[in-house]
Structures are given as structure tokens and as C-alpha cells.
Amino acid sequence: MNLRQLEVFLWVAELKSFTRAAKQLYMSQPAVSFQIRALEEELGVKLFWRDEKNVALTEAGRLLYPEVKQMVNHFYKIKSGLEDLKGLRRGQLVIGASTIPGEYLLPLLIGDFRRSYPGIQVSLRIGGSGEVEKWLVDREIDLGFTGVFIAGKEVQCQPWIDDRLVLIVPSGHPWGARQAVSVSELMKEPLIIREPGSGTRRTLEDRLASRDILLGQCNLVMELGSTRAIITAVQAGLGVSVVSFWAAQEPLLLGRVKEVLVEDLNLQRKLYVARYQNWINNYATDTFLDFVMEKTFDQL
């Protein structure tokens, strides 16, 4: 019995899949099966029930699981402690983020972090908030940054920084000369929005719902998969949109779009950072989380 076998066992037990465990461990599926089979032969028990669709722990597997988790976690604590003593000269960190934190905030922070810890290899994956949540639960990322709160009994999610959504209109739009418009006016105007699952869209849906308005009651003319594409469409005069302030800063400063307030509609929100609790410790993750939580953004 060796550490590799125990790691493989733990990943298969957690993800309930040989295929997904192989992906996480950068191994082939036959190699994962070989490690499990070797462990079962050494222990003289069957650890998993398997068929074409399902993988489940046997009674022996359920008995072994908490002990293996404790052993592997203890090993990683020792390893992390040594990395700490070495000043984090080596390590790996995988971050998942929705569009706003992933495209507008985290790249700069990762750059600052890498200057302090050049030995840490950081990977950033960008997708919708729903995708980030799935990556986190599937253990494909160490940290997730989103525009919506991620709930789950094994997920630790906390507020990160403030954000607010802003209504933007083309530079030549009649609303550009006004201080504010009503919600009823916004509902009639051609509206460009993000795709379902986007944190920005979910925030807008929630705030409209607080006024007993469904998003579908608005004059929706286009759904786009990125905030940059939405801003470009607004610039082109295809409609108006509600986007994050962080994304709108540059085009607003350059005069490419105009910001208009929406009366009686609270568009303040938080961006969140989440991690999976009770999993293998990663000192690089802890260090990066402390690093980003100390950063302040005062442009709002």
C-alpha cells in the first residue's frame, strides 16, 4: 500500500467516477483501475461496486475512506508545512472565475501574487457562475470567484469585494442626457443580457423580482456569452444593458457608452470567493486566499 494508491482511492471515492478521478490525477483510466485493483488485492477486500454507470463504496471501502482521507490530508499538511518553510518555492493553484472577476480583477492580482511567489504555477479558468460552482464541487479548481453566493454544506463561500451593476446606453442615446430612468422605461427599451447561469443576469433577475417583475417581461433582444460582447453591442446601438461596474469602467471613461441610473432599483452586489471544505489542504490556496482578501478596490 502506497500514497499513490491511497490518493487514487480517495479521488474515486469522492467523485464516484474512475474517469473523473483519472482527469484530476492526470492519469489514464486504466492506470486508475490498476491502482485500485492493486490496493484491493493487497488489502484482500473489494473497495468499490462498479457497473457501467455507477461507482459506489463497499462496506470495506466506507470503513477505509475516513482513515485514508485523514492519512492523505496529514501528508499534505506536512508537505504544505515544508513548502511554507521553503517560502512557497513550488506549488500549483487552479482558480475558476466567472467573467467579471476572471477578466477584470484576477489577472492583475495573479500577477502581483506571482511576483511574490514565482514558484507557484497558477491556472485561471473562466466560465459562467454555474460552471464555476460545478468545477468547485467536482474538485476541478481550488478556489472559485463568482458574482453569486455558492451554497452547499461542504462549500465555504464568503463575500470578497463590492460591485454594482450599471445601466449602460450608446453614447448617442436619448437617455444619455438624463440622470435616471424608471424601471418601466427600462422594461420597454431593447435590452441585451448575459446567458442563463451568469451571475450578472441572476442578480438582475433577483432585483427585478423584488419589484414583482420577471426578466421575460422586458424587451429582450439579444443574449450574449460575454460582458465584452455586450458592451460592444451597446456601443453599436443594438440596445441597452446592465453590466458590472468593473467591466464598464474603461468604455465609460472613453465615452463609448453612458451610464444612466435606474430609479428605485438596487443594483449593488458582492463578488464572492468559495472553496471546498474538508478537502486536501493546499498551502498555495490558503496563501492566495489571504492575499486577495487583503486587497482593496476603492474605485466604486
C-alpha atoms as a PDB file:
ATOM      1  CA  MET A   1       0.000   0.000   0.000  1.00  0.00           C
ATOM      2  CA  ASN A   2       1.494   3.343  -1.060  1.00  0.00           C
ATOM      3  CA  LEU A   3       0.478   7.001  -1.087  1.00  0.00           C
ATOM      4  CA  ARG A   4      -0.411   6.969  -4.779  1.00  0.00           C
ATOM      5  CA  GLN A   5      -2.863   4.127  -4.286  1.00  0.00           C
ATOM      6  CA  LEU A   6      -4.454   5.972  -1.370  1.00  0.00           C
ATOM      7  CA  GLU A   7      -4.740   9.204  -3.376  1.00  0.00           C
ATOM      8  CA  VAL A   8      -6.391   7.341  -6.241  1.00  0.00           C
ATOM      9  CA  PHE A   9      -8.785   5.608  -3.847  1.00  0.00           C
ATOM     10  CA  LEU A  10      -9.709   8.951  -2.259  1.00  0.00           C
ATOM     11  CA  TRP A  11     -10.397  10.683  -5.578  1.00  0.00           C
ATOM     12  CA  VAL A  12     -12.522   7.825  -6.909  1.00  0.00           C
ATOM     13  CA  ALA A  13     -14.474   7.720  -3.633  1.00  0.00           C
ATOM     14  CA  GLU A  14     -15.035  11.484  -3.658  1.00  0.00           C
ATOM     15  CA  LEU A  15     -16.001  11.839  -7.313  1.00  0.00           C
ATOM     16  CA  LYS A  16     -17.717   8.434  -7.667  1.00  0.00           C
ATOM     17  CA  SER A  17     -16.090   8.064 -11.044  1.00  0.00           C
ATOM     18  CA  PHE A  18     -12.922   6.440 -12.343  1.00  0.00           C
ATOM     19  CA  THR A  19     -12.974   8.720 -15.388  1.00  0.00           C
ATOM     20  CA  ARG A  20     -13.204  11.957 -13.419  1.00  0.00           C
ATOM     21  CA  ALA A  21     -10.608  10.755 -10.911  1.00  0.00           C
ATOM     22  CA  ALA A  22      -8.235   9.988 -13.778  1.00  0.00           C
ATOM     23  CA  LYS A  23      -8.722  13.523 -15.108  1.00  0.00           C
ATOM     24  CA  GLN A  24      -7.935  15.068 -11.739  1.00  0.00           C
ATOM     25  CA  LEU A  25      -4.851  12.909 -11.252  1.00  0.00           C
ATOM     26  CA  TYR A  26      -3.589  13.339 -14.837  1.00  0.00           C
ATOM     27  CA  MET A  27      -3.680   9.571 -15.264  1.00  0.00           C
ATOM     28  CA  SER A  28      -5.330   7.266 -17.751  1.00  0.00           C
ATOM     29  CA  GLN A  29      -8.447   5.434 -16.637  1.00  0.00           C
ATOM     30  CA  PRO A  30      -6.723   2.025 -16.937  1.00  0.00           C
ATOM     31  CA  ALA A  31      -3.948   3.337 -14.666  1.00  0.00           C
ATOM     32  CA  VAL A  32      -6.530   4.370 -12.073  1.00  0.00           C
ATOM     33  CA  SER A  33      -8.205   0.967 -12.293  1.00  0.00           C
ATOM     34  CA  PHE A  34      -4.805  -0.714 -11.890  1.00  0.00           C
ATOM     35  CA  GLN A  35      -4.038   1.252  -8.714  1.00  0.00           C
ATOM     36  CA  ILE A  36      -7.424   0.404  -7.196  1.00  0.00           C
ATOM     37  CA  ARG A  37      -7.089  -3.248  -8.153  1.00  0.00           C
ATOM     38  CA  ALA A  38      -3.600  -3.394  -6.605  1.00  0.00           C
ATOM     39  CA  LEU A  39      -4.897  -1.834  -3.394  1.00  0.00           C
ATOM     40  CA  GLU A  40      -7.830  -4.265  -3.246  1.00  0.00           C
ATOM     41  CA  GLU A  41      -5.502  -7.225  -3.780  1.00  0.00           C
ATOM     42  CA  GLU A  42      -3.125  -6.041  -1.069  1.00  0.00           C
ATOM     43  CA  LEU A  43      -5.946  -5.496   1.437  1.00  0.00           C
ATOM     44  CA  GLY A  44      -7.825  -8.617   0.364  1.00  0.00           C
ATOM     45  CA  VAL A  45     -11.165  -6.791   0.087  1.00  0.00           C
ATOM     46  CA  LYS A  46     -13.315  -5.233  -2.606  1.00  0.00           C
ATOM     47  CA  LEU A  47     -13.465  -1.450  -2.195  1.00  0.00           C
ATOM     48  CA  PHE A  48     -15.914  -0.406  -4.944  1.00  0.00           C
ATOM     49  CA  TRP A  49     -19.031  -1.765  -6.564  1.00  0.00           C
ATOM     50  CA  ARG A  50     -18.879  -0.878 -10.249  1.00  0.00           C
ATOM     51  CA  ASP A  51     -21.191  -1.072 -13.241  1.00  0.00           C
ATOM     52  CA  GLU A  52     -21.377   0.876 -16.498  1.00  0.00           C
ATOM     53  CA  LYS A  53     -22.964   3.937 -14.879  1.00  0.00           C
ATOM     54  CA  ASN A  54     -22.266   3.885 -11.143  1.00  0.00           C
ATOM     55  CA  VAL A  55     -19.360   3.618  -8.724  1.00  0.00           C
ATOM     56  CA  ALA A  56     -20.078   3.122  -5.020  1.00  0.00           C
ATOM     57  CA  LEU A  57     -18.028   2.216  -1.964  1.00  0.00           C
ATOM     58  CA  THR A  58     -18.462  -1.236  -0.500  1.00  0.00           C
ATOM     59  CA  GLU A  59     -18.765  -1.672   3.257  1.00  0.00           C
ATOM     60  CA  ALA A  60     -14.984  -2.173   3.403  1.00  0.00           C
ATOM     61  CA  GLY A  61     -14.493   0.927   1.273  1.00  0.00           C
ATOM     62  CA  ARG A  62     -16.703   3.006   3.566  1.00  0.00           C
ATOM     63  CA  LEU A  63     -14.674   1.807   6.542  1.00  0.00           C
ATOM     64  CA  LEU A  64     -11.391   2.664   4.822  1.00  0.00           C
ATOM     65  CA  TYR A  65     -12.446   6.045   3.418  1.00  0.00           C
ATOM     66  CA  PRO A  66     -12.218   8.288   6.553  1.00  0.00           C
ATOM     67  CA  GLU A  67      -8.903   6.713   7.544  1.00  0.00           C
ATOM     68  CA  VAL A  68      -7.400   7.257   4.099  1.00  0.00           C
ATOM     69  CA  LYS A  69      -8.707  10.822   3.982  1.00  0.00           C
ATOM     70  CA  GLN A  70      -7.041  11.538   7.328  1.00  0.00           C
ATOM     71  CA  MET A  71      -3.762   9.932   6.235  1.00  0.00           C
ATOM     72  CA  VAL A  72      -3.589  11.773   2.895  1.00  0.00           C
ATOM     73  CA  ASN A  73      -4.623  15.045   4.479  1.00  0.00           C
ATOM     74  CA  HIS A  74      -1.937  14.643   7.133  1.00  0.00           C
ATOM     75  CA  PHE A  75       0.660  14.019   4.444  1.00  0.00           C
ATOM     76  CA  TYR A  76      -0.363  17.173   2.587  1.00  0.00           C
ATOM     77  CA  LYS A  77      -0.230  19.178   5.799  1.00  0.00           C
ATOM     78  CA  ILE A  78       3.365  18.035   6.275  1.00  0.00           C
ATOM     79  CA  LYS A  79       4.144  18.821   2.633  1.00  0.00           C
ATOM     80  CA  SER A  80       2.479  22.235   2.911  1.00  0.00           C
ATOM     81  CA  GLY A  81       4.426  22.994   6.045  1.00  0.00           C
ATOM     82  CA  LEU A  82       7.663  22.234   4.231  1.00  0.00           C
ATOM     83  CA  GLU A  83       6.561  24.425   1.316  1.00  0.00           C
ATOM     84  CA  ASP A  84       5.855  27.176   3.822  1.00  0.00           C
ATOM     85  CA  LEU A  85       9.318  26.845   5.270  1.00  0.00           C
ATOM     86  CA  LYS A  86      10.783  26.971   1.768  1.00  0.00           C
ATOM     87  CA  GLY A  87       8.887  30.185   1.054  1.00  0.00           C
ATOM     88  CA  LEU A  88       6.487  28.504  -1.373  1.00  0.00           C
ATOM     89  CA  ARG A  89       9.146  27.965  -3.989  1.00  0.00           C
ATOM     90  CA  ARG A  90       6.925  25.328  -5.617  1.00  0.00           C
ATOM     91  CA  GLY A  91       3.221  24.705  -5.830  1.00  0.00           C
ATOM     92  CA  GLN A  92       0.162  24.651  -8.030  1.00  0.00           C
ATOM     93  CA  LEU A  93      -3.076  26.595  -7.816  1.00  0.00           C
ATOM     94  CA  VAL A  94      -6.134  26.246 -10.053  1.00  0.00           C
ATOM     95  CA  ILE A  95      -8.655  29.075  -9.934  1.00  0.00           C
ATOM     96  CA  GLY A  96     -12.084  29.225 -11.526  1.00  0.00           C
ATOM     97  CA  ALA A  97     -13.862  32.523 -12.019  1.00  0.00           C
ATOM     98  CA  SER A  98     -16.931  33.977 -13.640  1.00  0.00           C
ATOM     99  CA  THR A  99     -16.479  36.684 -16.257  1.00  0.00           C
ATOM    100  CA  ILE A 100     -16.233  39.797 -14.090  1.00  0.00           C
ATOM    101  CA  PRO A 101     -13.634  38.642 -11.551  1.00  0.00           C
ATOM    102  CA  GLY A 102     -11.927  36.412 -14.124  1.00  0.00           C
ATOM    103  CA  GLU A 103     -11.444  39.001 -16.867  1.00  0.00           C
ATOM    104  CA  TYR A 104     -11.264  42.290 -14.985  1.00  0.00           C
ATOM    105  CA  LEU A 105      -9.831  41.687 -11.490  1.00  0.00           C
ATOM    106  CA  LEU A 106      -7.977  38.429 -11.000  1.00  0.00           C
ATOM    107  CA  PRO A 107      -5.346  38.719 -13.775  1.00  0.00           C
ATOM    108  CA  LEU A 108      -3.805  41.739 -12.033  1.00  0.00           C
ATOM    109  CA  LEU A 109      -3.953  40.053  -8.640  1.00  0.00           C
ATOM    110  CA  ILE A 110      -2.413  36.867 -10.005  1.00  0.00           C
ATOM    111  CA  GLY A 111       0.385  38.950 -11.493  1.00  0.00           C
ATOM    112  CA  ASP A 112       1.081  40.569  -8.109  1.00  0.00           C
ATOM    113  CA  PHE A 113       0.906  37.187  -6.380  1.00  0.00           C
ATOM    114  CA  ARG A 114       3.334  35.610  -8.842  1.00  0.00           C
ATOM    115  CA  ARG A 115       5.839  38.376  -8.209  1.00  0.00           C
ATOM    116  CA  SER A 116       5.825  37.394  -4.550  1.00  0.00           C
ATOM    117  CA  TYR A 117       5.665  33.632  -5.184  1.00  0.00           C
ATOM    118  CA  PRO A 118       7.198  32.973  -8.628  1.00  0.00           C
ATOM    119  CA  GLY A 119       7.382  29.242  -7.974  1.00  0.00           C
ATOM    120  CA  ILE A 120       3.618  28.853  -7.750  1.00  0.00           C
ATOM    121  CA  GLN A 121       2.031  27.836 -11.040  1.00  0.00           C
ATOM    122  CA  VAL A 122      -1.389  29.496 -11.287  1.00  0.00           C
ATOM    123  CA  SER A 123      -4.070  28.428 -13.770  1.00  0.00           C
ATOM    124  CA  LEU A 124      -7.208  30.511 -14.319  1.00  0.00           C
ATOM    125  CA  ARG A 125     -10.369  29.073 -15.877  1.00  0.00           C
ATOM    126  CA  ILE A 126     -13.197  31.431 -16.839  1.00  0.00           C
ATOM    127  CA  GLY A 127     -16.836  30.457 -17.259  1.00  0.00           C
ATOM    128  CA  GLY A 128     -20.311  31.282 -16.030  1.00  0.00           C
ATOM    129  CA  SER A 129     -21.070  31.303 -12.316  1.00  0.00           C
ATOM    130  CA  GLY A 130     -22.878  27.993 -12.715  1.00  0.00           C
ATOM    131  CA  GLU A 131     -19.808  26.446 -14.326  1.00  0.00           C
ATOM    132  CA  VAL A 132     -17.564  27.731 -11.533  1.00  0.00           C
ATOM    133  CA  GLU A 133     -19.842  26.136  -8.949  1.00  0.00           C
ATOM    134  CA  LYS A 134     -19.695  22.794 -10.795  1.00  0.00           C
ATOM    135  CA  TRP A 135     -15.893  22.966 -11.110  1.00  0.00           C
ATOM    136  CA  LEU A 136     -15.646  23.596  -7.380  1.00  0.00           C
ATOM    137  CA  VAL A 137     -17.949  20.742  -6.368  1.00  0.00           C
ATOM    138  CA  ASP A 138     -16.155  18.404  -8.802  1.00  0.00           C
ATOM    139  CA  ARG A 139     -12.793  19.485  -7.247  1.00  0.00           C
ATOM    140  CA  GLU A 140     -11.520  20.720 -10.603  1.00  0.00           C
ATOM    141  CA  ILE A 141     -10.477  24.032  -9.043  1.00  0.00           C
ATOM    142  CA  ASP A 142      -9.043  25.095  -5.690  1.00  0.00           C
ATOM    143  CA  LEU A 143     -10.864  28.435  -5.450  1.00  0.00           C
ATOM    144  CA  GLY A 144     -13.913  29.865  -7.193  1.00  0.00           C
ATOM    145  CA  PHE A 145     -14.727  33.552  -7.692  1.00  0.00           C
ATOM    146  CA  THR A 146     -18.274  34.434  -8.742  1.00  0.00           C
ATOM    147  CA  GLY A 147     -20.921  37.121  -8.743  1.00  0.00           C
ATOM    148  CA  VAL A 148     -23.393  34.947  -6.824  1.00  0.00           C
ATOM    149  CA  PHE A 149     -23.286  33.144  -3.497  1.00  0.00           C
ATOM    150  CA  ILE A 150     -22.477  29.439  -3.826  1.00  0.00           C
ATOM    151  CA  ALA A 151     -24.466  27.415  -1.318  1.00  0.00           C
ATOM    152  CA  GLY A 152     -23.621  23.916  -0.168  1.00  0.00           C
ATOM    153  CA  LYS A 153     -22.933  22.161   3.100  1.00  0.00           C
ATOM    154  CA  GLU A 154     -19.346  21.406   2.090  1.00  0.00           C
ATOM    155  CA  VAL A 155     -18.662  24.721   0.337  1.00  0.00           C
ATOM    156  CA  GLN A 156     -17.270  27.690   2.224  1.00  0.00           C
ATOM    157  CA  CYS A 157     -18.363  30.873   0.432  1.00  0.00           C
ATOM    158  CA  GLN A 158     -17.624  34.376   1.665  1.00  0.00           C
ATOM    159  CA  PRO A 159     -18.007  37.939   0.376  1.00  0.00           C
ATOM    160  CA  TRP A 160     -14.926  39.215  -1.417  1.00  0.00           C
ATOM    161  CA  ILE A 161     -15.394  42.739  -2.814  1.00  0.00           C
ATOM    162  CA  ASP A 162     -18.206  45.147  -3.623  1.00  0.00           C
ATOM    163  CA  ASP A 163     -19.631  45.521  -7.094  1.00  0.00           C
ATOM    164  CA  ARG A 164     -22.604  47.295  -8.597  1.00  0.00           C
ATOM    165  CA  LEU A 165     -24.447  46.804 -11.826  1.00  0.00           C
ATOM    166  CA  VAL A 166     -24.804  49.824 -14.085  1.00  0.00           C
ATOM    167  CA  LEU A 167     -27.240  50.534 -16.894  1.00  0.00           C
ATOM    168  CA  ILE A 168     -25.244  51.480 -19.994  1.00  0.00           C
ATOM    169  CA  VAL A 169     -26.616  53.034 -23.191  1.00  0.00           C
ATOM    170  CA  PRO A 170     -24.979  54.028 -26.507  1.00  0.00           C
ATOM    171  CA  SER A 171     -23.225  57.388 -26.422  1.00  0.00           C
ATOM    172  CA  GLY A 172     -25.851  58.985 -28.670  1.00  0.00           C
ATOM    173  CA  HIS A 173     -28.867  57.525 -26.878  1.00  0.00           C
ATOM    174  CA  PRO A 174     -31.591  59.991 -25.698  1.00  0.00           C
ATOM    175  CA  TRP A 175     -31.187  58.652 -22.147  1.00  0.00           C
ATOM    176  CA  GLY A 176     -27.577  59.818 -22.154  1.00  0.00           C
ATOM    177  CA  ALA A 177     -28.718  63.358 -21.289  1.00  0.00           C
ATOM    178  CA  ARG A 178     -30.850  62.152 -18.362  1.00  0.00           C
ATOM    179  CA  GLN A 179     -29.852  61.469 -14.773  1.00  0.00           C
ATOM    180  CA  ALA A 180     -32.152  58.469 -14.347  1.00  0.00           C
ATOM    181  CA  VAL A 181     -34.921  56.400 -15.923  1.00  0.00           C
ATOM    182  CA  SER A 182     -37.740  54.411 -14.361  1.00  0.00           C
ATOM    183  CA  VAL A 183     -37.954  50.633 -14.224  1.00  0.00           C
ATOM    184  CA  SER A 184     -40.994  50.746 -16.504  1.00  0.00           C
ATOM    185  CA  GLU A 185     -38.969  52.655 -19.106  1.00  0.00           C
ATOM    186  CA  LEU A 186     -36.165  50.108 -18.852  1.00  0.00           C
ATOM    187  CA  MET A 187     -38.646  47.289 -19.441  1.00  0.00           C
ATOM    188  CA  LYS A 188     -39.685  48.783 -22.794  1.00  0.00           C
ATOM    189  CA  GLU A 189     -36.192  49.513 -24.114  1.00  0.00           C
ATOM    190  CA  PRO A 190     -34.377  46.859 -26.249  1.00  0.00           C
ATOM    191  CA  LEU A 191     -32.320  45.004 -23.629  1.00  0.00           C
ATOM    192  CA  ILE A 192     -29.165  42.931 -24.194  1.00  0.00           C
ATOM    193  CA  ILE A 193     -28.381  40.424 -21.433  1.00  0.00           C
ATOM    194  CA  ARG A 194     -25.970  37.664 -20.483  1.00  0.00           C
ATOM    195  CA  GLU A 195     -26.776  33.993 -20.961  1.00  0.00           C
ATOM    196  CA  PRO A 196     -28.633  31.929 -18.302  1.00  0.00           C
ATOM    197  CA  GLY A 197     -26.312  30.968 -15.431  1.00  0.00           C
ATOM    198  CA  SER A 198     -24.438  34.268 -15.478  1.00  0.00           C
ATOM    199  CA  GLY A 199     -24.073  35.910 -12.075  1.00  0.00           C
ATOM    200  CA  THR A 200     -24.880  39.329 -13.562  1.00  0.00           C
ATOM    201  CA  ARG A 201     -28.085  38.008 -15.094  1.00  0.00           C
ATOM    202  CA  ARG A 202     -29.102  36.248 -11.874  1.00  0.00           C
ATOM    203  CA  THR A 203     -28.533  39.455  -9.890  1.00  0.00           C
ATOM    204  CA  LEU A 204     -30.669  41.449 -12.341  1.00  0.00           C
ATOM    205  CA  GLU A 205     -33.393  38.790 -12.192  1.00  0.00           C
ATOM    206  CA  ASP A 206     -33.384  38.910  -8.379  1.00  0.00           C
ATOM    207  CA  ARG A 207     -33.581  42.710  -8.237  1.00  0.00           C
ATOM    208  CA  LEU A 208     -36.399  42.852 -10.771  1.00  0.00           C
ATOM    209  CA  ALA A 209     -38.208  40.095  -8.866  1.00  0.00           C
ATOM    210  CA  SER A 210     -38.058  42.292  -5.762  1.00  0.00           C
ATOM    211  CA  ARG A 211     -40.276  44.658  -7.791  1.00  0.00           C
ATOM    212  CA  ASP A 212     -42.534  41.760  -8.865  1.00  0.00           C
ATOM    213  CA  ILE A 213     -41.126  41.910 -12.399  1.00  0.00           C
ATOM    214  CA  LEU A 214     -39.939  38.919 -14.411  1.00  0.00           C
ATOM    215  CA  LEU A 215     -36.970  39.357 -16.733  1.00  0.00           C
ATOM    216  CA  GLY A 216     -39.102  37.875 -19.508  1.00  0.00           C
ATOM    217  CA  GLN A 217     -41.435  40.863 -19.240  1.00  0.00           C
ATOM    218  CA  CYS A 218     -38.630  43.110 -20.503  1.00  0.00           C
ATOM    219  CA  ASN A 219     -37.942  43.754 -24.172  1.00  0.00           C
ATOM    220  CA  LEU A 220     -35.141  41.211 -24.548  1.00  0.00           C
ATOM    221  CA  VAL A 221     -33.477  41.440 -27.944  1.00  0.00           C
ATOM    222  CA  MET A 222     -30.215  39.546 -27.519  1.00  0.00           C
ATOM    223  CA  GLU A 223     -28.381  37.129 -25.207  1.00  0.00           C
ATOM    224  CA  LEU A 224     -24.583  37.102 -25.355  1.00  0.00           C
ATOM    225  CA  GLY A 225     -21.983  34.907 -23.675  1.00  0.00           C
ATOM    226  CA  SER A 226     -19.542  37.592 -22.559  1.00  0.00           C
ATOM    227  CA  THR A 227     -19.709  41.035 -20.998  1.00  0.00           C
ATOM    228  CA  ARG A 228     -17.232  42.419 -23.537  1.00  0.00           C
ATOM    229  CA  ALA A 229     -19.542  41.342 -26.359  1.00  0.00           C
ATOM    230  CA  ILE A 230     -22.489  43.014 -24.634  1.00  0.00           C
ATOM    231  CA  ILE A 231     -20.624  46.323 -24.248  1.00  0.00           C
ATOM    232  CA  THR A 232     -19.621  46.190 -27.924  1.00  0.00           C
ATOM    233  CA  ALA A 233     -23.245  45.547 -28.902  1.00  0.00           C
ATOM    234  CA  VAL A 234     -24.382  48.505 -26.808  1.00  0.00           C
ATOM    235  CA  GLN A 235     -21.716  50.706 -28.431  1.00  0.00           C
ATOM    236  CA  ALA A 236     -23.080  49.626 -31.816  1.00  0.00           C
ATOM    237  CA  GLY A 237     -26.547  50.865 -30.851  1.00  0.00           C
ATOM    238  CA  LEU A 238     -28.186  47.435 -30.692  1.00  0.00           C
ATOM    239  CA  GLY A 239     -29.758  48.077 -27.307  1.00  0.00           C
ATOM    240  CA  VAL A 240     -29.029  48.903 -23.675  1.00  0.00           C
ATOM    241  CA  SER A 241     -27.695  46.596 -20.977  1.00  0.00           C
ATOM    242  CA  VAL A 242     -26.941  46.175 -17.290  1.00  0.00           C
ATOM    243  CA  VAL A 243     -23.337  45.147 -16.632  1.00  0.00           C
ATOM    244  CA  SER A 244     -20.803  45.169 -13.826  1.00  0.00           C
ATOM    245  CA  PHE A 245     -19.159  48.476 -12.985  1.00  0.00           C
ATOM    246  CA  TRP A 246     -15.763  46.756 -13.200  1.00  0.00           C
ATOM    247  CA  ALA A 247     -16.420  45.857 -16.827  1.00  0.00           C
ATOM    248  CA  ALA A 248     -17.890  49.248 -17.739  1.00  0.00           C
ATOM    249  CA  GLN A 249     -15.113  51.440 -16.281  1.00  0.00           C
ATOM    250  CA  GLU A 250     -12.967  51.811 -19.405  1.00  0.00           C
ATOM    251  CA  PRO A 251     -15.737  52.317 -22.006  1.00  0.00           C
ATOM    252  CA  LEU A 252     -17.401  54.831 -19.662  1.00  0.00           C
ATOM    253  CA  LEU A 253     -14.160  56.795 -19.247  1.00  0.00           C
ATOM    254  CA  LEU A 254     -13.612  56.789 -23.018  1.00  0.00           C
ATOM    255  CA  GLY A 255     -17.163  57.949 -23.660  1.00  0.00           C
ATOM    256  CA  ARG A 256     -18.079  54.901 -25.715  1.00  0.00           C
ATOM    257  CA  VAL A 257     -21.160  54.296 -23.572  1.00  0.00           C
ATOM    258  CA  LYS A 258     -23.101  56.323 -20.995  1.00  0.00           C
ATOM    259  CA  GLU A 259     -24.250  55.300 -17.519  1.00  0.00           C
ATOM    260  CA  VAL A 260     -27.847  56.009 -16.536  1.00  0.00           C
ATOM    261  CA  LEU A 261     -29.292  55.404 -13.072  1.00  0.00           C
ATOM    262  CA  VAL A 262     -32.413  53.283 -12.662  1.00  0.00           C
ATOM    263  CA  GLU A 263     -34.857  54.710 -10.141  1.00  0.00           C
ATOM    264  CA  ASP A 264     -35.870  52.514  -7.198  1.00  0.00           C
ATOM    265  CA  LEU A 265     -33.774  49.537  -8.289  1.00  0.00           C
ATOM    266  CA  ASN A 266     -30.935  48.498  -6.007  1.00  0.00           C
ATOM    267  CA  LEU A 267     -28.132  47.162  -8.197  1.00  0.00           C
ATOM    268  CA  GLN A 268     -25.452  46.860  -5.505  1.00  0.00           C
ATOM    269  CA  ARG A 269     -23.994  43.387  -5.069  1.00  0.00           C
ATOM    270  CA  LYS A 270     -20.989  41.450  -3.787  1.00  0.00           C
ATOM    271  CA  LEU A 271     -18.485  39.285  -5.556  1.00  0.00           C
ATOM    272  CA  TYR A 272     -17.714  36.046  -3.698  1.00  0.00           C
ATOM    273  CA  VAL A 273     -14.862  33.611  -3.219  1.00  0.00           C
ATOM    274  CA  ALA A 274     -15.550  29.958  -2.445  1.00  0.00           C
ATOM    275  CA  ARG A 275     -13.595  26.815  -1.672  1.00  0.00           C
ATOM    276  CA  TYR A 276     -14.482  23.214  -0.930  1.00  0.00           C
ATOM    277  CA  GLN A 277     -14.252  22.468   2.776  1.00  0.00           C
ATOM    278  CA  ASN A 278     -12.769  19.380   4.399  1.00  0.00           C
ATOM    279  CA  TRP A 279     -10.608  18.544   1.427  1.00  0.00           C
ATOM    280  CA  ILE A 280      -6.875  18.058   0.990  1.00  0.00           C
ATOM    281  CA  ASN A 281      -5.013  21.103   2.287  1.00  0.00           C
ATOM    282  CA  ASN A 282      -3.148  23.210  -0.227  1.00  0.00           C
ATOM    283  CA  TYR A 283      -0.918  25.873   1.258  1.00  0.00           C
ATOM    284  CA  ALA A 284      -0.757  27.768  -2.042  1.00  0.00           C
ATOM    285  CA  THR A 285      -4.575  28.054  -1.917  1.00  0.00           C
ATOM    286  CA  ASP A 286      -4.515  29.373   1.644  1.00  0.00           C
ATOM    287  CA  THR A 287      -1.812  31.884   0.782  1.00  0.00           C
ATOM    288  CA  PHE A 288      -3.578  33.185  -2.338  1.00  0.00           C
ATOM    289  CA  LEU A 289      -6.886  33.466  -0.485  1.00  0.00           C
ATOM    290  CA  ASP A 290      -5.248  35.540   2.256  1.00  0.00           C
ATOM    291  CA  PHE A 291      -3.547  37.618  -0.431  1.00  0.00           C
ATOM    292  CA  VAL A 292      -6.744  38.540  -2.332  1.00  0.00           C
ATOM    293  CA  MET A 293      -8.763  39.158   0.831  1.00  0.00           C
ATOM    294  CA  GLU A 294      -6.245  41.814   1.874  1.00  0.00           C
ATOM    295  CA  LYS A 295      -6.585  43.697  -1.410  1.00  0.00           C
ATOM    296  CA  THR A 296      -8.970  46.653  -1.548  1.00  0.00           C
ATOM    297  CA  PHE A 297     -10.686  48.230  -4.536  1.00  0.00           C
ATOM    298  CA  ASP A 298     -11.914  51.751  -3.964  1.00  0.00           C
ATOM    299  CA  GLN A 299     -12.993  52.804  -7.457  1.00  0.00           C
ATOM    300  CA  LEU A 300     -16.705  52.109  -6.853  1.00  0.00           C
END
